[in-house]
Protein backbone atom coordinates (compact mmCIF):
# COMPACT_ATOMS: atom_id res chain seq x y z
CA MET A 1 -4.33 -14.61 -11.91
CA GLU A 2 -7.44 -12.45 -11.97
CA ASN A 3 -9.42 -14.68 -9.62
CA SER A 4 -6.51 -16.05 -7.62
CA SER A 5 -5.83 -15.35 -3.96
CA ILE A 6 -3.11 -12.74 -3.52
CA ILE A 7 -3.33 -12.54 0.30
CA GLN A 8 -4.33 -15.42 2.57
CA ILE A 9 -4.48 -14.74 6.33
CA ASN A 10 -5.13 -17.67 8.66
CA ARG A 11 -5.77 -17.35 12.43
CA LEU A 12 -3.28 -14.49 12.57
CA VAL A 13 -2.29 -13.19 16.00
CA LYS A 14 0.09 -10.31 16.71
CA SER A 15 1.16 -9.38 20.24
CA PHE A 16 3.55 -6.73 21.50
CA PRO A 17 5.29 -6.41 24.90
CA ALA A 18 3.47 -3.91 27.12
CA GLY A 19 4.84 -3.24 30.59
CA LYS A 20 5.07 -6.57 32.39
CA GLY A 21 2.58 -8.20 30.05
CA GLU A 22 1.66 -7.95 26.40
CA PHE A 23 -0.84 -6.22 24.16
CA THR A 24 -2.55 -8.31 21.48
CA ALA A 25 -3.23 -6.12 18.46
CA LEU A 26 -4.63 -8.89 16.24
CA LYS A 27 -6.66 -11.71 17.74
CA GLY A 28 -6.91 -14.59 15.27
CA ILE A 29 -7.72 -12.89 11.96
CA ASP A 30 -8.95 -14.91 8.96
CA LEU A 31 -9.07 -13.04 5.63
CA GLN A 32 -8.52 -13.56 1.94
CA PHE A 33 -8.01 -11.03 -0.84
CA LYS A 34 -8.02 -11.79 -4.55
CA ALA A 35 -5.97 -10.18 -7.29
CA GLY A 36 -7.42 -6.91 -8.56
CA GLU A 37 -9.34 -5.94 -5.41
CA PHE A 38 -9.67 -2.31 -4.25
CA ALA A 39 -10.12 -3.02 -0.56
CA GLY A 40 -9.54 -1.40 2.79
CA LEU A 41 -8.95 -2.26 6.41
CA VAL A 42 -11.11 0.30 8.18
CA GLY A 43 -11.61 1.15 11.81
CA PRO A 44 -10.55 3.56 14.55
CA SER A 45 -6.99 4.03 15.78
CA GLY A 46 -5.92 0.96 17.73
CA SER A 47 -8.16 -1.45 15.83
CA GLY A 48 -5.16 -3.29 14.33
CA LYS A 49 -5.38 -2.16 10.72
CA THR A 50 -1.84 -0.74 10.40
CA THR A 51 -0.40 -3.76 12.24
CA LEU A 52 -2.09 -6.07 9.74
CA LEU A 53 -0.97 -3.96 6.78
CA ASN A 54 2.63 -4.07 8.04
CA ILE A 55 2.51 -7.86 8.26
CA VAL A 56 1.09 -8.16 4.74
CA GLY A 57 3.91 -5.87 3.57
CA SER A 58 6.53 -8.09 5.28
CA LEU A 59 7.55 -5.19 7.52
CA ASP A 60 6.55 -7.29 10.54
CA THR A 61 5.80 -10.96 11.27
CA PRO A 62 2.88 -12.70 13.03
CA THR A 63 3.15 -13.93 16.61
CA LYS A 64 0.94 -16.87 15.67
CA GLY A 65 -0.95 -17.95 12.59
CA GLU A 66 -0.04 -17.31 9.00
CA ALA A 67 0.01 -14.57 6.39
CA ILE A 68 0.65 -15.77 2.85
CA VAL A 69 1.31 -12.97 0.36
CA LEU A 70 1.80 -13.78 -3.32
CA GLY A 71 2.35 -17.39 -2.37
CA LYS A 72 5.00 -16.64 0.25
CA SER A 73 4.52 -17.21 3.99
CA ILE A 74 5.67 -14.03 5.73
CA SER A 75 6.73 -15.91 8.88
CA HIS A 76 9.13 -18.11 6.93
CA LEU A 77 10.88 -15.41 4.91
CA SER A 78 14.43 -14.45 5.77
CA ALA A 79 15.22 -10.74 5.96
CA ARG A 80 16.73 -10.98 2.49
CA GLU A 81 13.68 -12.79 1.07
CA ALA A 82 11.33 -10.25 2.64
CA ALA A 83 13.35 -7.43 1.09
CA HIS A 84 13.19 -9.19 -2.28
CA LEU A 85 9.39 -9.44 -2.02
CA ARG A 86 9.08 -5.73 -1.22
CA LYS A 87 11.55 -4.75 -3.91
CA HIS A 88 9.93 -6.69 -6.75
CA GLU A 89 6.25 -7.20 -5.94
CA LEU A 90 4.99 -4.56 -3.49
CA GLY A 91 4.38 -0.83 -3.61
CA PHE A 92 3.92 1.33 -0.51
CA ILE A 93 2.09 4.65 -0.05
CA PHE A 94 2.19 6.36 3.35
CA GLN A 95 0.47 9.43 4.80
CA THR A 96 3.86 11.14 4.93
CA TYR A 97 5.14 11.36 1.38
CA ASN A 98 8.71 10.22 2.27
CA LEU A 99 10.12 12.02 -0.77
CA LEU A 100 13.78 12.98 -1.00
CA ALA A 101 13.71 16.79 -0.93
CA VAL A 102 17.06 17.31 -2.68
CA HIS A 103 16.08 15.12 -5.64
CA THR A 104 13.76 15.87 -8.55
CA VAL A 105 10.36 14.30 -9.09
CA TYR A 106 11.93 12.10 -11.78
CA GLU A 107 14.67 10.92 -9.42
CA ASN A 108 12.22 10.22 -6.59
CA VAL A 109 10.09 8.02 -8.84
CA GLU A 110 13.15 6.32 -10.33
CA PHE A 111 14.57 5.40 -6.92
CA PRO A 112 12.87 1.96 -6.52
CA LEU A 113 14.09 1.00 -10.00
CA LEU A 114 17.73 1.57 -9.07
CA LEU A 115 17.48 -1.57 -6.92
CA LEU A 116 16.53 -3.63 -9.98
CA LYS A 117 18.67 -4.76 -12.88
CA LEU A 118 17.32 -2.40 -15.50
CA SER A 119 18.94 -0.33 -18.23
CA PHE A 120 18.76 3.46 -18.25
CA ALA A 121 16.31 3.31 -21.18
CA GLN A 122 14.05 0.85 -19.34
CA ARG A 123 14.06 2.99 -16.21
CA LYS A 124 13.31 6.16 -18.17
CA LYS A 125 10.30 4.64 -19.92
CA MET A 126 8.92 3.25 -16.66
CA VAL A 127 9.35 6.58 -14.83
CA MET A 128 7.73 8.57 -17.63
CA ASP A 129 4.84 6.09 -17.81
CA ALA A 130 4.30 6.43 -14.05
CA LEU A 131 4.41 10.23 -14.18
CA GLU A 132 1.91 10.18 -17.04
CA TRP A 133 -0.44 7.98 -14.96
CA VAL A 134 -0.54 10.61 -12.22
CA GLY A 135 -0.46 13.64 -14.52
CA LEU A 136 2.94 15.00 -13.49
CA THR A 137 5.10 14.80 -16.62
CA ASP A 138 5.38 18.61 -16.54
CA LYS A 139 6.92 18.47 -13.05
CA LEU A 140 9.64 15.87 -13.64
CA ASN A 141 12.47 18.33 -12.95
CA SER A 142 10.82 19.99 -9.95
CA LYS A 143 11.84 19.18 -6.37
CA PRO A 144 9.35 18.31 -3.60
CA PRO A 145 9.65 21.61 -1.69
CA LYS A 146 8.29 23.37 -4.80
CA LEU A 147 5.23 21.09 -5.04
CA SER A 148 1.84 21.22 -3.36
CA GLY A 149 0.77 18.51 -0.92
CA GLY A 150 -1.43 16.91 -3.56
CA GLU A 151 1.40 16.89 -6.08
CA CYS A 152 3.77 15.33 -3.52
CA GLN A 153 1.30 12.53 -2.86
CA ARG A 154 0.88 11.97 -6.60
CA VAL A 155 4.67 11.58 -6.81
CA ALA A 156 4.43 9.04 -3.98
CA VAL A 157 1.74 7.15 -5.93
CA ALA A 158 3.91 7.19 -9.07
CA ARG A 159 6.87 5.88 -7.05
CA ALA A 160 4.72 3.07 -5.64
CA MET A 161 3.38 2.16 -9.09
CA VAL A 162 6.51 2.59 -11.23
CA LYS A 163 7.49 -1.09 -11.22
CA LYS A 164 3.85 -2.18 -11.78
CA PRO A 165 3.69 -4.10 -8.49
CA SER A 166 1.17 -6.86 -7.95
CA LEU A 167 0.05 -5.28 -4.68
CA VAL A 168 0.02 -1.70 -3.37
CA LEU A 169 -0.36 -1.09 0.37
CA ALA A 170 -1.59 2.37 1.36
CA ASP A 171 -1.59 3.52 5.00
CA GLU A 172 -3.80 6.62 5.45
CA PRO A 173 -2.65 7.99 2.07
CA THR A 174 -4.89 11.08 2.17
CA ALA A 175 -4.42 12.06 5.81
CA ASN A 176 -2.46 15.21 4.94
CA LEU A 177 -4.58 16.27 1.96
CA ASP A 178 -7.65 18.45 1.56
CA ALA A 179 -10.85 17.02 0.07
CA ALA A 180 -10.16 18.02 -3.54
CA ASN A 181 -6.64 16.56 -3.57
CA SER A 182 -7.84 13.45 -1.75
CA HIS A 183 -10.43 12.76 -4.44
CA ASN A 184 -7.89 13.33 -7.23
CA ILE A 185 -5.47 10.87 -5.64
CA LEU A 186 -8.19 8.27 -5.06
CA LYS A 187 -9.51 8.59 -8.61
CA THR A 188 -5.96 8.08 -9.89
CA MET A 189 -5.52 4.92 -7.79
CA GLU A 190 -8.96 3.68 -8.85
CA THR A 191 -7.96 4.10 -12.50
CA LEU A 192 -4.65 2.27 -11.97
CA ASN A 193 -6.51 -0.54 -10.22
CA ARG A 194 -8.91 -0.86 -13.13
CA GLU A 195 -6.43 -0.48 -16.00
CA LEU A 196 -3.44 -2.40 -14.58
CA ASN A 197 -5.41 -4.84 -12.35
CA THR A 198 -3.14 -3.84 -9.47
CA THR A 199 -4.48 -4.91 -6.08
CA PHE A 200 -4.85 -2.03 -3.60
CA LEU A 201 -5.18 -2.58 0.14
CA PHE A 202 -5.70 0.49 2.33
CA ALA A 203 -5.55 1.00 6.08
CA THR A 204 -7.74 3.99 6.87
CA HIS A 205 -10.41 5.63 8.96
CA ASP A 206 -10.81 8.51 6.46
CA GLU A 207 -14.39 8.65 5.14
CA LYS A 208 -13.13 10.08 1.84
CA VAL A 209 -11.08 6.91 1.24
CA ILE A 210 -13.79 4.58 2.54
CA ALA A 211 -16.26 5.98 -0.01
CA TYR A 212 -14.05 4.69 -2.86
CA LEU A 213 -13.48 1.18 -1.52
CA LYS A 214 -15.08 -1.79 -3.27
CA ARG A 215 -14.62 -3.89 -0.12
CA LYS A 216 -14.48 -2.70 3.48
CA VAL A 217 -13.04 -4.98 6.16
CA HIS A 218 -14.04 -3.39 9.46
CA LEU A 219 -11.61 -4.12 12.32
CA LYS A 220 -12.50 -3.60 15.96
CA ASP A 221 -10.22 -4.41 18.91
CA GLY A 222 -8.08 -6.73 16.78
CA ASN A 223 -10.95 -8.70 15.26
CA VAL A 224 -12.82 -8.62 11.96
CA ASP A 225 -16.11 -6.98 12.93
CA GLN A 226 -17.63 -6.87 9.45
CA ASP A 227 -16.55 -7.76 5.90
CA GLU A 228 -18.60 -5.60 3.55
CA TRP A 229 -18.66 -5.77 -0.25
CA VAL A 230 -19.91 -2.71 -2.09
CA LYS A 231 -22.42 -3.40 -4.88
CA GLN A 232 -21.18 -2.11 -8.20
């Protein structure tokens, strides 16, 4: 799987109604990502990066063209099939942590596993592994209001990674963090990418994130403006 295509995007167009006409956010995108990449869709607001990330995550569908993710064509998935893909194969990290304030760190990370057919012992091991990855085993009984912003985002990373997904999609994951916390989060994700071979795809215009990317796909006005590989 290491060299296989995990995302294949062919002539992808996405339009939205706008007044009496429509706005085309993506204008015939062609892209491919392989398993194990640490890549980002970069560009200013309105360039189409979040729209493309949402389609890859099966949260939206193309107007025209095709997005094939883990061998599945997003356009042809039923709502139930799309939910199954997200539940089993994808992890999501957003700029807002989306943690449940009344639940502990442990419970927040465990939440995605409750949708799977796993025993209590299996869930516990997976949660503790994920908390160890992000260095938060000492906070498992704490609740989000008692955590710092950096700690909350580390919980969000653990929640995204707990089921060892094939693909993690991160939309401006450091937007609410200071520089030190941003670098800690990005180093954690870089380590998980390297050690677990998890594919990471970011949507960002944050220079702190861009500095960590191994591949930068620059979007401009709904088109791929540049596809840049960083020399290792």
